[in-house]
Protein backbone atom coordinates (compact mmCIF):
# COMPACT_ATOMS: atom_id res chain seq x y z
CA MET A 1 -22.54 3.19 -6.03
CA ASN A 2 -19.01 3.73 -7.30
CA ILE A 3 -16.42 1.54 -5.52
CA ASN A 4 -13.87 4.35 -5.49
CA ARG A 5 -16.36 6.81 -4.03
CA ILE A 6 -17.26 4.35 -1.26
CA SER A 7 -13.65 3.63 -0.35
CA VAL A 8 -12.69 7.32 -0.39
CA ARG A 9 -15.59 8.28 1.90
CA TYR A 10 -14.83 5.58 4.46
CA ALA A 11 -11.08 6.25 4.33
CA LYS A 12 -11.59 9.98 4.80
CA ALA A 13 -13.94 9.42 7.72
CA LEU A 14 -11.48 7.05 9.40
CA PHE A 15 -8.57 9.42 8.81
CA GLU A 16 -10.43 12.43 10.19
CA LEU A 17 -11.53 10.45 13.24
CA ALA A 18 -7.97 9.23 13.82
CA LEU A 19 -6.67 12.81 13.54
CA GLU A 20 -9.35 14.05 15.92
CA ASN A 21 -8.31 11.42 18.48
CA ASN A 22 -4.56 12.06 17.95
CA ILE A 23 -3.96 8.48 16.82
CA ALA A 24 -3.38 8.99 13.09
CA GLU A 25 0.03 7.27 13.11
CA PRO A 26 -1.10 4.18 15.08
CA VAL A 27 -4.17 3.83 12.83
CA TYR A 28 -1.90 4.20 9.77
CA LYS A 29 0.17 1.28 11.09
CA ASP A 30 -3.06 -0.64 11.78
CA MET A 31 -4.17 -0.14 8.20
CA GLN A 32 -0.76 -1.34 6.95
CA LEU A 33 -1.12 -4.53 8.98
CA ILE A 34 -4.76 -5.04 7.96
CA SER A 35 -3.84 -4.46 4.32
CA LYS A 36 -1.11 -7.12 4.50
CA VAL A 37 -3.50 -9.61 6.10
CA ALA A 38 -6.09 -8.79 3.41
CA ASP A 39 -3.59 -10.11 0.85
CA PHE A 40 -4.13 -13.63 2.22
CA GLU A 41 -6.67 -15.52 0.13
CA ASP A 42 -8.50 -17.04 3.12
CA PHE A 43 -8.99 -13.63 4.71
CA ARG A 44 -10.17 -12.14 1.40
CA ASN A 45 -12.58 -15.04 0.93
CA MET A 46 -14.00 -14.42 4.40
CA LEU A 47 -14.52 -10.73 3.60
CA GLU A 48 -16.17 -11.44 0.26
CA ASN A 49 -18.41 -14.29 1.42
CA PRO A 50 -21.98 -12.97 1.69
CA VAL A 51 -23.14 -16.08 3.59
CA ILE A 52 -20.97 -15.33 6.64
CA PHE A 53 -22.90 -13.15 9.08
CA PRO A 54 -21.40 -9.73 9.91
CA SER A 55 -21.14 -10.73 13.59
CA LYS A 56 -19.06 -13.78 12.61
CA LYS A 57 -16.76 -11.63 10.42
CA GLN A 58 -16.36 -9.18 13.30
CA GLY A 59 -15.47 -12.06 15.63
CA ILE A 60 -12.85 -13.40 13.22
CA PHE A 61 -11.42 -9.92 12.72
CA LYS A 62 -11.25 -9.33 16.46
CA LEU A 63 -9.65 -12.75 17.02
CA ILE A 64 -6.91 -11.92 14.51
CA PHE A 65 -6.25 -8.31 15.50
CA ASP A 66 -7.29 -7.91 19.16
CA GLY A 67 -4.40 -6.41 21.11
CA LYS A 68 -2.47 -5.68 17.90
CA ILE A 69 -4.39 -2.67 16.60
CA GLN A 70 -6.24 0.34 17.96
CA ASP A 71 -9.78 -0.07 19.26
CA LEU A 72 -10.85 2.54 16.68
CA SER A 73 -9.67 0.26 13.87
CA ILE A 74 -11.64 -2.67 15.29
CA ARG A 75 -14.76 -0.51 15.67
CA PHE A 76 -14.26 0.76 12.13
CA PHE A 77 -14.26 -2.80 10.78
CA SER A 78 -17.48 -3.48 12.71
CA LEU A 79 -19.04 -0.47 11.00
CA LEU A 80 -17.90 -1.75 7.61
CA THR A 81 -19.46 -5.17 8.19
CA GLU A 82 -22.71 -3.68 9.49
CA ASN A 83 -22.95 -1.61 6.30
CA LYS A 84 -21.83 -4.55 4.13
CA ARG A 85 -18.74 -2.64 2.95
CA GLU A 86 -16.02 -5.00 4.22
CA ILE A 87 -15.17 -6.08 0.67
CA TYR A 88 -13.77 -2.57 0.14
CA LEU A 89 -11.29 -2.89 3.02
CA LYS A 90 -8.18 -3.02 0.80
CA ALA A 91 -9.31 0.01 -1.25
CA ILE A 92 -10.20 1.90 1.92
CA ALA A 93 -6.72 1.20 3.32
CA ARG A 94 -5.09 2.43 0.09
CA ASN A 95 -7.10 5.67 0.24
CA PHE A 96 -6.37 6.07 3.95
CA PHE A 97 -2.63 5.89 3.13
CA GLY A 98 -3.13 8.65 0.56
CA PHE A 99 -4.90 10.94 3.03
CA TYR A 100 -2.25 10.26 5.67
CA ARG A 101 0.69 10.94 3.33
CA LYS A 102 -0.87 14.10 1.93
CA HIS A 103 -1.68 15.49 5.38
CA PHE A 104 1.81 14.83 6.76
CA GLY A 105 3.72 15.67 3.54
CA ILE A 106 5.05 12.17 2.94
CA LYS A 107 6.10 10.88 -0.51
CA SER A 108 5.36 7.28 -1.40
CA VAL A 109 8.43 5.62 -2.94
CA GLU A 110 8.74 2.12 -4.36
CA LEU A 111 12.15 0.56 -5.00
CA VAL A 112 12.22 -2.62 -7.08
CA THR A 113 15.48 -4.56 -7.29
CA PRO A 114 16.42 -8.06 -8.46
CA PHE A 115 17.62 -8.83 -4.92
CA THR A 116 16.48 -8.13 -1.39
CA ALA A 117 17.46 -4.55 -0.65
CA GLY A 118 19.41 -4.15 2.58
CA GLU A 119 18.68 -1.52 5.21
CA LYS A 120 21.73 0.51 4.14
CA LEU A 121 20.52 0.76 0.53
CA LYS A 122 16.96 1.60 1.59
CA LYS A 123 18.26 4.32 3.90
CA GLU A 124 20.48 5.80 1.16
CA VAL A 125 17.61 5.86 -1.36
CA SER A 126 15.27 7.40 1.25
CA THR A 127 17.85 10.08 2.10
CA ILE A 128 18.40 11.00 -1.57
CA ILE A 129 14.68 11.22 -2.29
CA ALA A 130 14.04 13.19 0.92
CA LYS A 131 16.69 15.75 -0.07
CA GLU A 132 15.59 15.94 -3.70
CA PHE A 133 11.88 16.40 -2.95
CA LYS A 134 12.30 18.09 0.47
CA THR A 135 9.88 15.65 2.06
CA ILE A 136 9.51 12.67 4.35
CA VAL A 137 9.82 9.35 2.50
CA ASP A 138 7.70 6.22 2.91
CA LEU A 139 9.82 3.60 1.10
CA GLU A 140 8.48 0.22 0.09
CA ASP A 141 10.91 -2.26 -1.43
CA LYS A 142 10.06 -5.16 -3.71
CA THR A 143 12.04 -7.90 -5.39
CA ASP A 144 11.75 -8.83 -9.07
CA GLU A 145 14.38 -11.27 -10.35
CA LYS A 146 13.40 -10.50 -13.97
CA LEU A 147 15.21 -7.16 -13.69
CA ILE A 148 18.57 -9.03 -13.82
CA GLY A 149 20.35 -5.98 -12.35
CA GLY A 150 19.77 -2.30 -11.64
CA PHE A 151 16.52 -1.01 -10.17
CA ILE A 152 13.17 0.65 -10.82
CA LEU A 153 12.33 3.62 -8.63
CA THR A 154 8.81 5.03 -8.49
CA VAL A 155 8.13 8.28 -6.65
CA GLU A 156 4.46 9.35 -6.49
CA GLY A 157 3.70 7.79 -9.87
CA MET A 158 6.88 8.97 -11.63
CA GLN A 159 9.04 6.01 -12.62
CA TYR A 160 12.79 5.83 -13.27
CA ASP A 161 13.76 2.50 -14.83
CA ALA A 162 17.48 1.77 -14.53
CA SER A 163 17.14 -1.99 -14.80
CA VAL A 164 19.34 -4.21 -16.96
CA ALA A 165 16.23 -5.90 -18.36
CA SER A 166 14.95 -2.51 -19.58
CA LYS A 167 18.30 -1.66 -21.18
CA LEU A 168 18.42 -5.05 -22.95
CA LYS A 169 14.88 -4.51 -24.21
CA ASP A 170 15.90 -1.09 -25.63
CA ILE A 171 18.93 -2.62 -27.35
CA LYS A 172 16.75 -5.38 -28.84
CA LYS A 173 14.32 -2.75 -30.18
CA GLU A 174 17.21 -0.84 -31.74
CA LEU A 175 18.71 -3.93 -33.37
CA PHE A 176 15.49 -5.39 -34.76
CA GLY A 177 13.93 -2.04 -35.56
CA SER A 178 16.97 -0.87 -37.51
CA PRO A 179 16.44 -0.66 -41.28
CA ASN A 180 20.13 -1.59 -41.79
CA LEU A 181 19.60 -5.24 -40.73
């Protein structure tokens, strides 16, 4: 079965259940936390290891998240392990975020700078995007020292690259691509 189809179905089911129980926002936050933990290699290895029994995976999951996330999220993970779908957890979370944002009219925005963006800068960028697109903004900031200066802003797949590294690359293309040299 198609990985994307599996992750979309599970994400949609979780989202609809969370909406039905009026806990969509807490489950959204749960999925953010779970997604961050799934970035750790040891956790990923545990999810992907077919030798570890589902009950053991559920116990580890509960040990990590008990008291930190909704009971629905814990039960959802149990369902995933019972159906041997836990390896799709990261993709399910990503699709859940998409359903959540679409339902609540939220734009996903990524700001990449060569330095750690302060709260003031993040708030200013969020405010500008919110006004421009007439929407709620979910801003994620990242650091990439290779940019040298400037920033890269991505809003729902549209990218605006105002980085110094990009400008230098354009200048280099112009200089070396010029027939006059």
